[in-house]
C-alpha atoms as a PDB file:
ATOM      1  CA  MET A   1     -31.858   9.669   3.651  1.00  0.00           C
ATOM      2  CA  ARG A   2     -28.239   9.161   4.656  1.00  0.00           C
ATOM      3  CA  LYS A   3     -25.820  11.497   2.902  1.00  0.00           C
ATOM      4  CA  LYS A   4     -23.256   9.812   0.700  1.00  0.00           C
ATOM      5  CA  VAL A   5     -19.628   9.904   1.774  1.00  0.00           C
ATOM      6  CA  PHE A   6     -16.680  10.067  -0.615  1.00  0.00           C
ATOM      7  CA  CYS A   7     -13.158   9.301   0.610  1.00  0.00           C
ATOM      8  CA  VAL A   8     -10.887  11.561  -1.428  1.00  0.00           C
ATOM      9  CA  GLY A   9      -7.523  10.871   0.194  1.00  0.00           C
ATOM     10  CA  LEU A  10      -4.773   9.097  -1.707  1.00  0.00           C
ATOM     11  CA  GLY A  11      -4.153   5.420  -1.049  1.00  0.00           C
ATOM     12  CA  LYS A  12      -1.983   4.492   1.950  1.00  0.00           C
ATOM     13  CA  THR A  13      -3.084   7.530   3.992  1.00  0.00           C
ATOM     14  CA  GLY A  14      -5.105   5.618   6.576  1.00  0.00           C
ATOM     15  CA  THR A  15      -7.840   4.709   4.125  1.00  0.00           C
ATOM     16  CA  THR A  16      -8.099   1.099   5.336  1.00  0.00           C
ATOM     17  CA  SER A  17      -8.796   2.302   8.877  1.00  0.00           C
ATOM     18  CA  LEU A  18     -11.380   4.738   7.501  1.00  0.00           C
ATOM     19  CA  LYS A  19     -13.020   1.968   5.473  1.00  0.00           C
ATOM     20  CA  GLU A  20     -13.323  -0.225   8.567  1.00  0.00           C
ATOM     21  CA  ALA A  21     -14.643   2.702  10.621  1.00  0.00           C
ATOM     22  CA  LEU A  22     -17.343   3.446   8.035  1.00  0.00           C
ATOM     23  CA  ARG A  23     -18.303  -0.222   7.945  1.00  0.00           C
ATOM     24  CA  MET A  24     -18.658  -0.228  11.739  1.00  0.00           C
ATOM     25  CA  LEU A  25     -20.908   2.834  11.452  1.00  0.00           C
ATOM     26  CA  GLY A  26     -23.189   0.914   9.091  1.00  0.00           C
ATOM     27  CA  TYR A  27     -22.115   2.430   5.772  1.00  0.00           C
ATOM     28  CA  ARG A  28     -22.160   0.232   2.663  1.00  0.00           C
ATOM     29  CA  THR A  29     -18.814   0.856   0.978  1.00  0.00           C
ATOM     30  CA  ILE A  30     -17.793   0.516  -2.654  1.00  0.00           C
ATOM     31  CA  ARG A  31     -14.719   1.215  -4.758  1.00  0.00           C
ATOM     32  CA  LEU A  32     -16.142   3.073  -7.741  1.00  0.00           C
ATOM     33  CA  PRO A  33     -15.164   2.070 -11.284  1.00  0.00           C
ATOM     34  CA  LEU A  34     -13.850   4.699 -13.673  1.00  0.00           C
ATOM     35  CA  ASP A  35     -17.210   4.734 -15.418  1.00  0.00           C
ATOM     36  CA  TRP A  36     -18.992   5.284 -12.106  1.00  0.00           C
ATOM     37  CA  GLN A  37     -22.135   6.877 -13.551  1.00  0.00           C
ATOM     38  CA  GLY A  38     -24.998   4.575 -12.715  1.00  0.00           C
ATOM     39  CA  SER A  39     -23.336   2.975  -9.685  1.00  0.00           C
ATOM     40  CA  THR A  40     -25.924   2.334  -6.975  1.00  0.00           C
ATOM     41  CA  GLY A  41     -26.378   0.543  -3.674  1.00  0.00           C
ATOM     42  CA  PHE A  42     -23.620   2.289  -1.698  1.00  0.00           C
ATOM     43  CA  ASP A  43     -23.348   4.813   1.109  1.00  0.00           C
ATOM     44  CA  ALA A  44     -19.625   5.525   0.970  1.00  0.00           C
ATOM     45  CA  ALA A  45     -17.073   5.362  -1.862  1.00  0.00           C
ATOM     46  CA  LEU A  46     -13.500   4.367  -1.043  1.00  0.00           C
ATOM     47  CA  PRO A  47     -10.396   6.143  -2.414  1.00  0.00           C
ATOM     48  CA  GLY A  48      -9.247   5.696  -5.972  1.00  0.00           C
ATOM     49  CA  VAL A  49     -11.765   7.056  -8.429  1.00  0.00           C
ATOM     50  CA  SER A  50     -13.269   9.169  -5.620  1.00  0.00           C
ATOM     51  CA  ALA A  51      -9.921  10.917  -5.147  1.00  0.00           C
ATOM     52  CA  ALA A  52      -9.426  11.478  -8.872  1.00  0.00           C
ATOM     53  CA  MET A  53     -12.977  12.644  -9.687  1.00  0.00           C
ATOM     54  CA  TYR A  54     -14.196  14.361  -6.521  1.00  0.00           C
ATOM     55  CA  ARG A  55     -15.265  17.471  -8.433  1.00  0.00           C
ATOM     56  CA  ASP A  56     -17.560  15.459 -10.724  1.00  0.00           C
ATOM     57  CA  LEU A  57     -18.896  13.444  -7.801  1.00  0.00           C
ATOM     58  CA  ASP A  58     -19.631  16.619  -5.867  1.00  0.00           C
ATOM     59  CA  LYS A  59     -21.780  17.843  -8.759  1.00  0.00           C
ATOM     60  CA  ALA A  60     -23.451  14.480  -9.342  1.00  0.00           C
ATOM     61  CA  PHE A  61     -24.270  13.893  -5.654  1.00  0.00           C
ATOM     62  CA  PRO A  62     -25.191  17.254  -4.086  1.00  0.00           C
ATOM     63  CA  ASP A  63     -25.069  17.578  -0.297  1.00  0.00           C
ATOM     64  CA  SER A  64     -22.579  14.700   0.054  1.00  0.00           C
ATOM     65  CA  ARG A  65     -19.718  14.559   2.532  1.00  0.00           C
ATOM     66  CA  PHE A  66     -16.035  14.286   1.570  1.00  0.00           C
ATOM     67  CA  ILE A  67     -13.174  13.004   3.716  1.00  0.00           C
ATOM     68  CA  LEU A  68      -9.548  13.808   2.886  1.00  0.00           C
ATOM     69  CA  THR A  69      -7.167  11.483   4.721  1.00  0.00           C
ATOM     70  CA  VAL A  70      -3.626  12.797   5.181  1.00  0.00           C
ATOM     71  CA  ARG A  71      -0.310  11.676   6.664  1.00  0.00           C
ATOM     72  CA  ASP A  72       3.377  12.623   6.556  1.00  0.00           C
ATOM     73  CA  VAL A  73       4.694  12.589   2.995  1.00  0.00           C
ATOM     74  CA  ASP A  74       7.915  10.634   3.682  1.00  0.00           C
ATOM     75  CA  GLY A  75       6.083   7.751   5.344  1.00  0.00           C
ATOM     76  CA  TRP A  76       3.511   7.825   2.564  1.00  0.00           C
ATOM     77  CA  LEU A  77       6.156   7.591  -0.173  1.00  0.00           C
ATOM     78  CA  LYS A  78       7.656   4.467   1.390  1.00  0.00           C
ATOM     79  CA  SER A  79       4.229   2.907   1.790  1.00  0.00           C
ATOM     80  CA  ILE A  80       2.946   3.688  -1.718  1.00  0.00           C
ATOM     81  CA  GLU A  81       6.184   2.454  -3.323  1.00  0.00           C
ATOM     82  CA  ARG A  82       5.889  -0.820  -1.418  1.00  0.00           C
ATOM     83  CA  ASP A  83       2.217  -1.164  -2.306  1.00  0.00           C
ATOM     84  CA  MET A  84       2.798  -0.558  -6.021  1.00  0.00           C
ATOM     85  CA  GLY A  85       5.555  -3.163  -5.935  1.00  0.00           C
ATOM     86  CA  ARG A  86       3.048  -5.705  -4.640  1.00  0.00           C
ATOM     87  CA  LYS A  87       0.642  -4.966  -7.471  1.00  0.00           C
ATOM     88  CA  GLN A  88       2.953  -5.440 -10.443  1.00  0.00           C
ATOM     89  CA  ASN A  89       1.142  -8.641 -11.370  1.00  0.00           C
ATOM     90  CA  VAL A  90      -2.255  -7.009 -11.797  1.00  0.00           C
ATOM     91  CA  GLN A  91      -4.534  -9.035 -14.050  1.00  0.00           C
ATOM     92  CA  ARG A  92      -4.325  -7.884 -17.650  1.00  0.00           C
ATOM     93  CA  ASP A  93      -8.032  -7.028 -17.848  1.00  0.00           C
ATOM     94  CA  ARG A  94      -7.585  -4.556 -14.980  1.00  0.00           C
ATOM     95  CA  ALA A  95      -4.207  -3.117 -15.914  1.00  0.00           C
ATOM     96  CA  ASP A  96      -5.531  -0.469 -18.312  1.00  0.00           C
ATOM     97  CA  ASP A  97      -7.983   0.953 -15.788  1.00  0.00           C
ATOM     98  CA  ARG A  98      -5.370   0.855 -13.027  1.00  0.00           C
ATOM     99  CA  ASN A  99      -2.757   2.634 -15.157  1.00  0.00           C
ATOM    100  CA  ARG A 100      -5.286   5.230 -16.246  1.00  0.00           C
ATOM    101  CA  LEU A 101      -6.268   5.930 -12.641  1.00  0.00           C
ATOM    102  CA  LEU A 102      -2.650   6.142 -11.463  1.00  0.00           C
ATOM    103  CA  THR A 103      -1.904   8.583 -14.257  1.00  0.00           C
ATOM    104  CA  MET A 104      -4.893  10.708 -13.254  1.00  0.00           C
ATOM    105  CA  LEU A 105      -3.731  10.812  -9.640  1.00  0.00           C
ATOM    106  CA  TYR A 106       0.054  10.956  -9.982  1.00  0.00           C
ATOM    107  CA  GLY A 107       0.840  11.756 -13.596  1.00  0.00           C
ATOM    108  CA  SER A 108       2.422   8.322 -14.122  1.00  0.00           C
ATOM    109  CA  PRO A 109       1.444   4.649 -13.685  1.00  0.00           C
ATOM    110  CA  VAL A 110       4.998   3.913 -12.507  1.00  0.00           C
ATOM    111  CA  PHE A 111       6.346   5.037  -9.139  1.00  0.00           C
ATOM    112  CA  GLU A 112       8.644   8.038  -9.417  1.00  0.00           C
ATOM    113  CA  HIS A 113       9.766   9.452  -6.094  1.00  0.00           C
ATOM    114  CA  GLU A 114       9.747  13.190  -6.845  1.00  0.00           C
ATOM    115  CA  ARG A 115       6.726  13.070  -9.150  1.00  0.00           C
ATOM    116  CA  PHE A 116       4.686  11.265  -6.504  1.00  0.00           C
ATOM    117  CA  ARG A 117       5.887  13.634  -3.772  1.00  0.00           C
ATOM    118  CA  GLN A 118       4.670  16.612  -5.792  1.00  0.00           C
ATOM    119  CA  ALA A 119       1.379  14.880  -6.640  1.00  0.00           C
ATOM    120  CA  PHE A 120       0.820  14.214  -2.928  1.00  0.00           C
ATOM    121  CA  HIS A 121       1.180  17.904  -2.049  1.00  0.00           C
ATOM    122  CA  ASP A 122      -0.791  19.072  -5.096  1.00  0.00           C
ATOM    123  CA  HIS A 123      -3.719  16.770  -4.364  1.00  0.00           C
ATOM    124  CA  GLN A 124      -4.093  17.940  -0.777  1.00  0.00           C
ATOM    125  CA  ALA A 125      -3.856  21.590  -1.784  1.00  0.00           C
ATOM    126  CA  GLU A 126      -6.372  21.219  -4.620  1.00  0.00           C
ATOM    127  CA  VAL A 127      -8.945  19.405  -2.484  1.00  0.00           C
ATOM    128  CA  ARG A 128      -8.673  21.994   0.286  1.00  0.00           C
ATOM    129  CA  ARG A 129      -8.947  24.825  -2.239  1.00  0.00           C
ATOM    130  CA  TYR A 130     -11.962  23.280  -3.963  1.00  0.00           C
ATOM    131  CA  PHE A 131     -13.899  22.948  -0.682  1.00  0.00           C
ATOM    132  CA  GLU A 132     -12.749  26.279   0.737  1.00  0.00           C
ATOM    133  CA  GLY A 133     -15.638  27.971   2.518  1.00  0.00           C
ATOM    134  CA  ARG A 134     -17.537  24.673   2.865  1.00  0.00           C
ATOM    135  CA  PRO A 135     -16.442  23.354   6.292  1.00  0.00           C
ATOM    136  CA  ASP A 136     -19.552  21.170   6.616  1.00  0.00           C
ATOM    137  CA  ASP A 137     -18.696  19.283   3.417  1.00  0.00           C
ATOM    138  CA  LEU A 138     -15.014  18.401   3.938  1.00  0.00           C
ATOM    139  CA  LEU A 139     -13.253  16.648   6.834  1.00  0.00           C
ATOM    140  CA  VAL A 140      -9.447  16.538   6.804  1.00  0.00           C
ATOM    141  CA  LEU A 141      -8.525  13.462   8.842  1.00  0.00           C
ATOM    142  CA  ASP A 142      -5.070  12.319   9.934  1.00  0.00           C
ATOM    143  CA  VAL A 143      -5.753   8.790  11.160  1.00  0.00           C
ATOM    144  CA  THR A 144      -2.208   8.466  12.563  1.00  0.00           C
ATOM    145  CA  ARG A 145      -2.839  11.401  14.912  1.00  0.00           C
ATOM    146  CA  SER A 146      -6.574  11.051  15.448  1.00  0.00           C
ATOM    147  CA  SER A 147      -7.867  10.226  18.893  1.00  0.00           C
ATOM    148  CA  GLY A 148     -10.548   8.057  17.344  1.00  0.00           C
ATOM    149  CA  TRP A 149     -14.218   8.458  16.596  1.00  0.00           C
ATOM    150  CA  ASP A 150     -14.924  12.036  17.745  1.00  0.00           C
ATOM    151  CA  ASP A 151     -14.015  14.046  14.630  1.00  0.00           C
ATOM    152  CA  LEU A 152     -15.456  11.481  12.201  1.00  0.00           C
ATOM    153  CA  CYS A 153     -18.755  10.976  14.025  1.00  0.00           C
ATOM    154  CA  ARG A 154     -19.225  14.708  14.584  1.00  0.00           C
ATOM    155  CA  PHE A 155     -18.695  15.318  10.866  1.00  0.00           C
ATOM    156  CA  LEU A 156     -21.089  12.550   9.812  1.00  0.00           C
ATOM    157  CA  GLU A 157     -23.589  13.442  12.546  1.00  0.00           C
ATOM    158  CA  VAL A 158     -23.776   9.891  13.870  1.00  0.00           C
ATOM    159  CA  PRO A 159     -23.425   8.487  17.413  1.00  0.00           C
ATOM    160  CA  VAL A 160     -20.000   7.394  18.627  1.00  0.00           C
ATOM    161  CA  PRO A 161     -19.823   3.547  18.763  1.00  0.00           C
ATOM    162  CA  ALA A 162     -18.916   1.703  21.925  1.00  0.00           C
ATOM    163  CA  GLU A 163     -16.190  -0.223  20.067  1.00  0.00           C
ATOM    164  CA  PRO A 164     -12.691   1.302  19.808  1.00  0.00           C
ATOM    165  CA  PHE A 165     -11.686   3.043  16.581  1.00  0.00           C
ATOM    166  CA  PRO A 166     -10.129   0.538  14.124  1.00  0.00           C
ATOM    167  CA  PHE A 167      -6.547   1.723  13.744  1.00  0.00           C
ATOM    168  CA  VAL A 168      -5.509  -0.812  11.104  1.00  0.00           C
ATOM    169  CA  ASN A 169      -2.150  -1.713   9.628  1.00  0.00           C
ATOM    170  CA  LYS A 170      -3.059  -4.342   7.067  1.00  0.00           C
ATOM    171  CA  ALA A 171       0.330  -4.206   5.325  1.00  0.00           C
ATOM    172  CA  SER A 172       2.072  -5.961   8.215  1.00  0.00           C
ATOM    173  CA  GLU A 173      -0.665  -8.614   8.378  1.00  0.00           C
ATOM    174  CA  LEU A 174      -0.407  -9.267   4.646  1.00  0.00           C
ATOM    175  CA  ASP A 175       3.384  -9.459   4.817  1.00  0.00           C
ATOM    176  CA  GLU A 176       3.120 -11.963   7.658  1.00  0.00           C
ATOM    177  CA  LEU A 177       0.906 -14.171   5.483  1.00  0.00           C
ATOM    178  CA  LEU A 178       3.277 -13.854   2.510  1.00  0.00           C
ATOM    179  CA  VAL A 179       6.307 -14.792   4.655  1.00  0.00           C
ATOM    180  CA  ARG A 180       4.437 -17.878   5.827  1.00  0.00           C
ATOM    181  CA  LEU A 181       3.694 -18.761   2.209  1.00  0.00           C
ATOM    182  CA  LEU A 182       7.362 -18.278   1.280  1.00  0.00           C
ATOM    183  CA  HIS A 183       8.422 -20.558   4.142  1.00  0.00           C
ATOM    184  CA  VAL A 184       5.989 -23.318   3.156  1.00  0.00           C
ATOM    185  CA  THR A 185       6.705 -23.261  -0.585  1.00  0.00           C
ATOM    186  CA  GLY A 186      10.429 -22.607  -0.193  1.00  0.00           C
ATOM    187  CA  ASP A 187      10.418 -20.876  -3.552  1.00  0.00           C
ATOM    188  CA  ILE A 188       9.823 -17.236  -4.487  1.00  0.00           C
ATOM    189  CA  ASP A 189       8.499 -18.052  -7.975  1.00  0.00           C
ATOM    190  CA  THR A 190       5.931 -20.481  -6.577  1.00  0.00           C
ATOM    191  CA  ALA A 191       4.857 -18.024  -3.881  1.00  0.00           C
ATOM    192  CA  SER A 192       4.509 -15.353  -6.571  1.00  0.00           C
ATOM    193  CA  ARG A 193       2.332 -17.608  -8.743  1.00  0.00           C
ATOM    194  CA  ILE A 194       0.082 -18.386  -5.778  1.00  0.00           C
ATOM    195  CA  SER A 195      -0.213 -14.886  -4.305  1.00  0.00           C
ATOM    196  CA  LYS A 196       0.062 -12.890  -7.585  1.00  0.00           C
ATOM    197  CA  TYR A 197       2.564 -10.573  -5.899  1.00  0.00           C
ATOM    198  CA  SER A 198       5.700  -9.752  -7.836  1.00  0.00           C
ATOM    199  CA  THR A 199       8.916 -11.712  -7.356  1.00  0.00           C
ATOM    200  CA  ASP A 200      10.689  -8.380  -6.757  1.00  0.00           C
ATOM    201  CA  TYR A 201       8.445  -7.616  -3.821  1.00  0.00           C
ATOM    202  CA  LEU A 202       8.742 -11.128  -2.384  1.00  0.00           C
ATOM    203  CA  GLU A 203      12.527 -11.068  -2.792  1.00  0.00           C
ATOM    204  CA  ASP A 204      12.653  -7.784  -0.891  1.00  0.00           C
ATOM    205  CA  LEU A 205      10.413  -9.228   1.809  1.00  0.00           C
ATOM    206  CA  ALA A 206      12.539 -12.378   2.062  1.00  0.00           C
ATOM    207  CA  ALA A 207      15.679 -10.251   2.425  1.00  0.00           C
ATOM    208  CA  LYS A 208      14.159  -8.479   5.423  1.00  0.00           C
ATOM    209  CA  ARG A 209      12.731 -11.531   7.165  1.00  0.00           C
ATOM    210  CA  ASP A 210      14.129 -14.894   8.245  1.00  0.00           C
ATOM    211  CA  VAL A 211      11.992 -16.994   5.915  1.00  0.00           C
ATOM    212  CA  GLU A 212      13.875 -20.253   6.422  1.00  0.00           C
ATOM    213  CA  GLY A 213      13.751 -19.979  10.208  1.00  0.00           C
ATOM    214  CA  TYR A 214      10.207 -18.630  10.331  1.00  0.00           C
ATOM    215  CA  ASP A 215       8.218 -19.838  13.341  1.00  0.00           C
ATOM    216  CA  MET A 216       5.080 -21.525  12.008  1.00  0.00           C
ATOM    217  CA  GLN A 217       3.550 -21.410  15.516  1.00  0.00           C
ATOM    218  CA  ARG A 218       3.541 -17.618  15.347  1.00  0.00           C
ATOM    219  CA  GLN A 219       0.096 -16.077  15.624  1.00  0.00           C
ATOM    220  CA  VAL A 220      -1.190 -14.481  12.401  1.00  0.00           C
ATOM    221  CA  THR A 221      -4.190 -12.156  12.376  1.00  0.00           C
ATOM    222  CA  LEU A 222      -6.413 -12.587   9.319  1.00  0.00           C
ATOM    223  CA  LYS A 223      -8.561  -9.460   9.388  1.00  0.00           C
ATOM    224  CA  ASP A 224     -11.006  -8.547   6.665  1.00  0.00           C
ATOM    225  CA  ASP A 225      -8.912  -7.142   3.826  1.00  0.00           C
ATOM    226  CA  ARG A 226      -9.338  -7.803   0.116  1.00  0.00           C
ATOM    227  CA  ARG A 227      -5.630  -8.447  -0.400  1.00  0.00           C
ATOM    228  CA  ILE A 228      -5.456 -10.975   2.425  1.00  0.00           C
ATOM    229  CA  ASN A 229      -8.705 -12.627   1.343  1.00  0.00           C
ATOM    230  CA  LYS A 230      -7.430 -12.989  -2.243  1.00  0.00           C
ATOM    231  CA  VAL A 231      -4.217 -14.678  -1.084  1.00  0.00           C
ATOM    232  CA  LEU A 232      -6.223 -17.068   1.088  1.00  0.00           C
ATOM    233  CA  LYS A 233      -8.470 -17.956  -1.836  1.00  0.00           C
ATOM    234  CA  ARG A 234      -5.530 -18.537  -4.184  1.00  0.00           C
ATOM    235  CA  ALA A 235      -3.659 -20.587  -1.575  1.00  0.00           C
ATOM    236  CA  SER A 236      -6.715 -22.801  -1.059  1.00  0.00           C
ATOM    237  CA  ARG A 237      -6.941 -23.359  -4.790  1.00  0.00           C
ATOM    238  CA  TYR A 238      -3.217 -24.172  -5.021  1.00  0.00           C
ATOM    239  CA  PHE A 239      -3.139 -26.592  -2.073  1.00  0.00           C
ATOM    240  CA  GLY A 240      -6.412 -28.236  -3.075  1.00  0.00           C
ATOM    241  CA  SER A 241      -8.931 -27.012  -0.498  1.00  0.00           C
ATOM    242  CA  PRO A 242      -9.296 -24.649   2.489  1.00  0.00           C
ATOM    243  CA  ALA A 243      -8.646 -27.599   4.816  1.00  0.00           C
ATOM    244  CA  LYS A 244      -5.390 -28.508   3.060  1.00  0.00           C
ATOM    245  CA  ALA A 245      -4.298 -24.868   2.944  1.00  0.00           C
ATOM    246  CA  ALA A 246      -5.023 -24.529   6.665  1.00  0.00           C
ATOM    247  CA  LYS A 247      -2.896 -27.578   7.398  1.00  0.00           C
ATOM    248  CA  ARG A 248       0.048 -26.495   5.223  1.00  0.00           C
ATOM    249  CA  LEU A 249       0.008 -22.879   6.420  1.00  0.00           C
ATOM    250  CA  ASN A 250      -0.897 -23.776  10.014  1.00  0.00           C
ATOM    251  CA  LEU A 251      -3.831 -21.379  10.028  1.00  0.00           C
ATOM    252  CA  PRO A 252      -7.394 -21.873  11.318  1.00  0.00           C
ATOM    253  CA  GLU A 253      -9.522 -23.447   8.607  1.00  0.00           C
ATOM    254  CA  ALA A 254     -12.500 -21.355   9.741  1.00  0.00           C
ATOM    255  CA  ALA A 255     -10.511 -18.150   9.222  1.00  0.00           C
ATOM    256  CA  ILE A 256      -9.502 -19.212   5.706  1.00  0.00           C
ATOM    257  CA  ARG A 257     -13.074 -20.116   4.788  1.00  0.00           C
ATOM    258  CA  GLU A 258     -14.293 -16.778   6.149  1.00  0.00           C
ATOM    259  CA  GLY A 259     -11.693 -14.937   4.055  1.00  0.00           C
ATOM    260  CA  ILE A 260     -12.816 -16.810   0.939  1.00  0.00           C
ATOM    261  CA  ARG A 261     -16.466 -16.054   1.743  1.00  0.00           C
ATOM    262  CA  ARG A 262     -15.682 -12.350   2.080  1.00  0.00           C
ATOM    263  CA  GLN A 263     -13.768 -12.351  -1.191  1.00  0.00           C
ATOM    264  CA  LYS A 264     -16.689 -13.960  -3.016  1.00  0.00           C
ATOM    265  CA  GLN A 265     -19.084 -11.487  -1.402  1.00  0.00           C
ATOM    266  CA  HIS A 266     -16.913  -8.581  -2.537  1.00  0.00           C
ATOM    267  CA  ALA A 267     -16.814  -9.967  -6.082  1.00  0.00           C
ATOM    268  CA  ARG A 268     -20.622 -10.266  -6.139  1.00  0.00           C
ATOM    269  CA  THR A 269     -21.009  -6.716  -4.808  1.00  0.00           C
ATOM    270  CA  LYS A 270     -18.617  -5.413  -7.432  1.00  0.00           C
ATOM    271  CA  ARG A 271     -20.614  -7.101 -10.218  1.00  0.00           C
ATOM    272  CA  THR A 272     -23.893  -5.797  -8.798  1.00  0.00           C
ATOM    273  CA  ASN A 273     -22.597  -2.228  -8.651  1.00  0.00           C
ATOM    274  CA  ARG A 274     -21.093  -2.296 -12.129  1.00  0.00           C
ATOM    275  CA  PRO A 275     -22.879   0.272 -14.336  1.00  0.00           C
ATOM    276  CA  ALA A 276     -25.405  -1.195 -16.737  1.00  0.00           C
ATOM    277  CA  PHE A 277     -23.455  -0.066 -19.785  1.00  0.00           C
ATOM    278  CA  ALA A 278     -20.213  -1.766 -18.726  1.00  0.00           C
ATOM    279  CA  TRP A 279     -20.881  -4.475 -21.327  1.00  0.00           C
ATOM    280  CA  LEU A 280     -19.788  -1.949 -23.950  1.00  0.00           C
ATOM    281  CA  ARG A 281     -16.217  -2.610 -22.871  1.00  0.00           C
ATOM    282  CA  PHE A 282     -16.354  -5.967 -24.582  1.00  0.00           C
ATOM    283  CA  PHE A 283     -17.031  -4.238 -27.892  1.00  0.00           C
ATOM    284  CA  THR A 284     -14.520  -1.415 -27.429  1.00  0.00           C
ATOM    285  CA  GLY A 285     -11.709  -3.648 -26.199  1.00  0.00           C
ATOM    286  CA  ARG A 286     -11.557  -1.983 -22.730  1.00  0.00           C
ATOM    287  CA  ARG A 287     -11.875  -4.239 -19.733  1.00  0.00           C
END
């Protein structure tokens, strides 16, 4: 039986590249809920709850493998601040869980530069200390400096794929899509309603980019990413259909439909992996 893998790095430390690499290696990935007990049907758990509860997961899943992704702290702070700015409009039914998880990881659900810097260093030190003397159980991986598959495949004891390692920067791809949406709508509030990203983030993005003079013939890569797929789905709903969204945004209709399909597939997987007792949330008021 394949050993389970838990990604215990903080968000924005190369975790998207790691997720894609695990997918290419045939691992079924999941983002565990806070009440993860009972979750099934996965080979690898993505960061979030895995990073916050790695000690409990280590006890619940003996002989598993853990991967700590790392990067330079200054670059990470800029990236995590930008990412949290995007997610200010989180749906109300998810806000409580998100805030609870952020508090577990960083001590606050709101970005605070020095607090997050200290949490970054503390998390790395605590993970390394916990797995001290267990080199076969923990891989420390810096995706920004990694040469590719060698360290990961050696750790997981799997063959190296013929395809190149997926060094992914999804933030730039998402921003490109949001700038295109800003150009088409011509209004930050409308773009915010469609994308569900905060007006503050879109205003900051618009200040950095020439939205009015944006070249709609510019090539945009729509790789598999939940954030990109969600925007594509919402844009299709707003414009009336995937075909109409493709025409307005000057994007391939097939790519938009594929993004929507992936988003629906992710939603089904998330429901399937939800613990059986999750219905209790409806009676306790937690969602």
